[in-house]
């Protein structure tokens, strides 16, 4: 059984997603089963994609960069972000509000 892509935890929200580096544009795609995929133009070299992911997702979610951190998946396409003081409803609302 797969873990939910957005989950409340102590102090905030975990967001599980899959990253596609070296894409033609930055975008968030919510797939059929609610899985979240993020396309990034940054290459997966020396942490560039991880830095770009946090910057892009903070802007997408409308939060400060310091409130969003990479929790796991530093060297994997499957990553978990932690949004401090966020709510599941806040994240879902931004994801449902449109793809950017």
Protein backbone atom coordinates (compact mmCIF):
# COMPACT_ATOMS: atom_id res chain seq x y z
CA UNK A 1 0.00 0.00 0.00
CA UNK A 2 1.44 3.36 -1.03
CA UNK A 3 1.75 6.22 1.40
CA UNK A 4 -0.49 9.24 0.79
CA UNK A 5 1.25 12.06 -1.11
CA UNK A 6 0.19 14.68 1.46
CA UNK A 7 0.17 13.79 5.14
CA UNK A 8 -0.10 15.76 8.38
CA UNK A 9 2.69 15.17 10.88
CA UNK A 10 4.00 16.81 14.04
CA UNK A 11 4.63 20.47 13.29
CA UNK A 12 3.54 20.51 9.66
CA UNK A 13 2.89 18.52 6.50
CA UNK A 14 4.84 15.91 4.54
CA UNK A 15 4.57 16.15 0.76
CA UNK A 16 5.73 13.11 -1.21
CA UNK A 17 6.49 13.68 -4.86
CA UNK A 18 8.50 12.52 -7.83
CA UNK A 19 10.89 14.90 -9.59
CA UNK A 20 11.64 14.99 -13.30
CA UNK A 21 14.86 16.99 -13.75
CA UNK A 22 16.00 18.56 -17.04
CA UNK A 23 12.40 19.19 -18.16
CA UNK A 24 11.51 21.85 -20.72
CA UNK A 25 9.71 23.92 -18.05
CA UNK A 26 8.99 23.95 -14.32
CA UNK A 27 5.55 22.51 -13.56
CA UNK A 28 3.49 20.59 -11.00
CA UNK A 29 1.42 17.70 -12.31
CA UNK A 30 -1.11 15.87 -10.16
CA UNK A 31 -1.50 12.40 -11.63
CA UNK A 32 -4.50 10.07 -11.62
CA UNK A 33 -4.16 8.52 -8.16
CA UNK A 34 -3.25 11.84 -6.56
CA UNK A 35 0.50 11.32 -7.04
CA UNK A 36 2.43 14.55 -7.39
CA UNK A 37 5.09 14.96 -10.07
CA UNK A 38 7.26 18.06 -10.38
CA UNK A 39 9.06 18.84 -13.63
CA UNK A 40 12.14 21.02 -13.17
CA UNK A 41 14.46 22.58 -15.72
CA UNK A 42 17.40 22.18 -13.32
CA UNK A 43 19.77 19.24 -13.89
CA UNK A 44 20.31 16.58 -11.21
CA UNK A 45 23.90 17.71 -10.64
CA UNK A 46 25.45 18.74 -7.31
CA UNK A 47 22.07 19.33 -5.67
CA UNK A 48 20.86 21.82 -8.29
CA UNK A 49 17.54 20.03 -8.75
CA UNK A 50 16.98 19.81 -4.98
CA UNK A 51 17.60 23.53 -4.57
CA UNK A 52 15.35 24.32 -7.53
CA UNK A 53 12.65 22.00 -6.14
CA UNK A 54 12.48 23.76 -2.77
CA UNK A 55 12.54 27.21 -4.39
CA UNK A 56 9.86 26.31 -6.98
CA UNK A 57 7.56 24.49 -4.55
CA UNK A 58 7.77 27.31 -1.97
CA UNK A 59 6.67 29.76 -4.66
CA UNK A 60 3.99 27.36 -5.94
CA UNK A 61 2.57 26.82 -2.43
CA UNK A 62 2.84 30.51 -1.53
CA UNK A 63 5.09 29.94 1.49
CA UNK A 64 8.51 31.18 2.56
CA UNK A 65 11.46 29.08 1.44
CA UNK A 66 12.65 28.67 5.00
CA UNK A 67 9.36 26.92 5.88
CA UNK A 68 9.89 24.20 3.25
CA UNK A 69 12.72 21.67 3.55
CA UNK A 70 13.79 18.49 1.82
CA UNK A 71 13.16 15.72 4.36
CA UNK A 72 14.28 12.71 2.29
CA UNK A 73 15.28 11.67 -1.21
CA UNK A 74 18.39 13.81 -1.61
CA UNK A 75 19.75 11.49 -4.33
CA UNK A 76 16.48 10.00 -5.56
CA UNK A 77 13.70 11.14 -7.89
CA UNK A 78 11.23 10.26 -5.13
CA UNK A 79 11.40 12.99 -2.50
CA UNK A 80 9.62 14.09 0.64
CA UNK A 81 9.28 17.77 1.50
CA UNK A 82 8.33 19.06 4.93
CA UNK A 83 6.19 22.20 5.18
CA UNK A 84 6.54 23.65 8.65
CA UNK A 85 3.31 24.97 10.18
CA UNK A 86 1.38 24.06 7.04
CA UNK A 87 -1.86 22.12 6.74
CA UNK A 88 -2.99 19.34 4.42
CA UNK A 89 -5.88 21.54 3.30
CA UNK A 90 -3.51 24.39 2.43
CA UNK A 91 -1.36 22.15 0.24
CA UNK A 92 -4.34 20.46 -1.43
CA UNK A 93 -5.90 23.84 -2.11
CA UNK A 94 -2.79 25.06 -3.91
CA UNK A 95 -2.50 21.84 -5.91
CA UNK A 96 -6.19 21.98 -6.92
CA UNK A 97 -5.95 25.70 -7.65
CA UNK A 98 -4.13 25.08 -10.89
CA UNK A 99 -0.87 23.91 -12.31
CA UNK A 100 1.86 26.44 -12.83
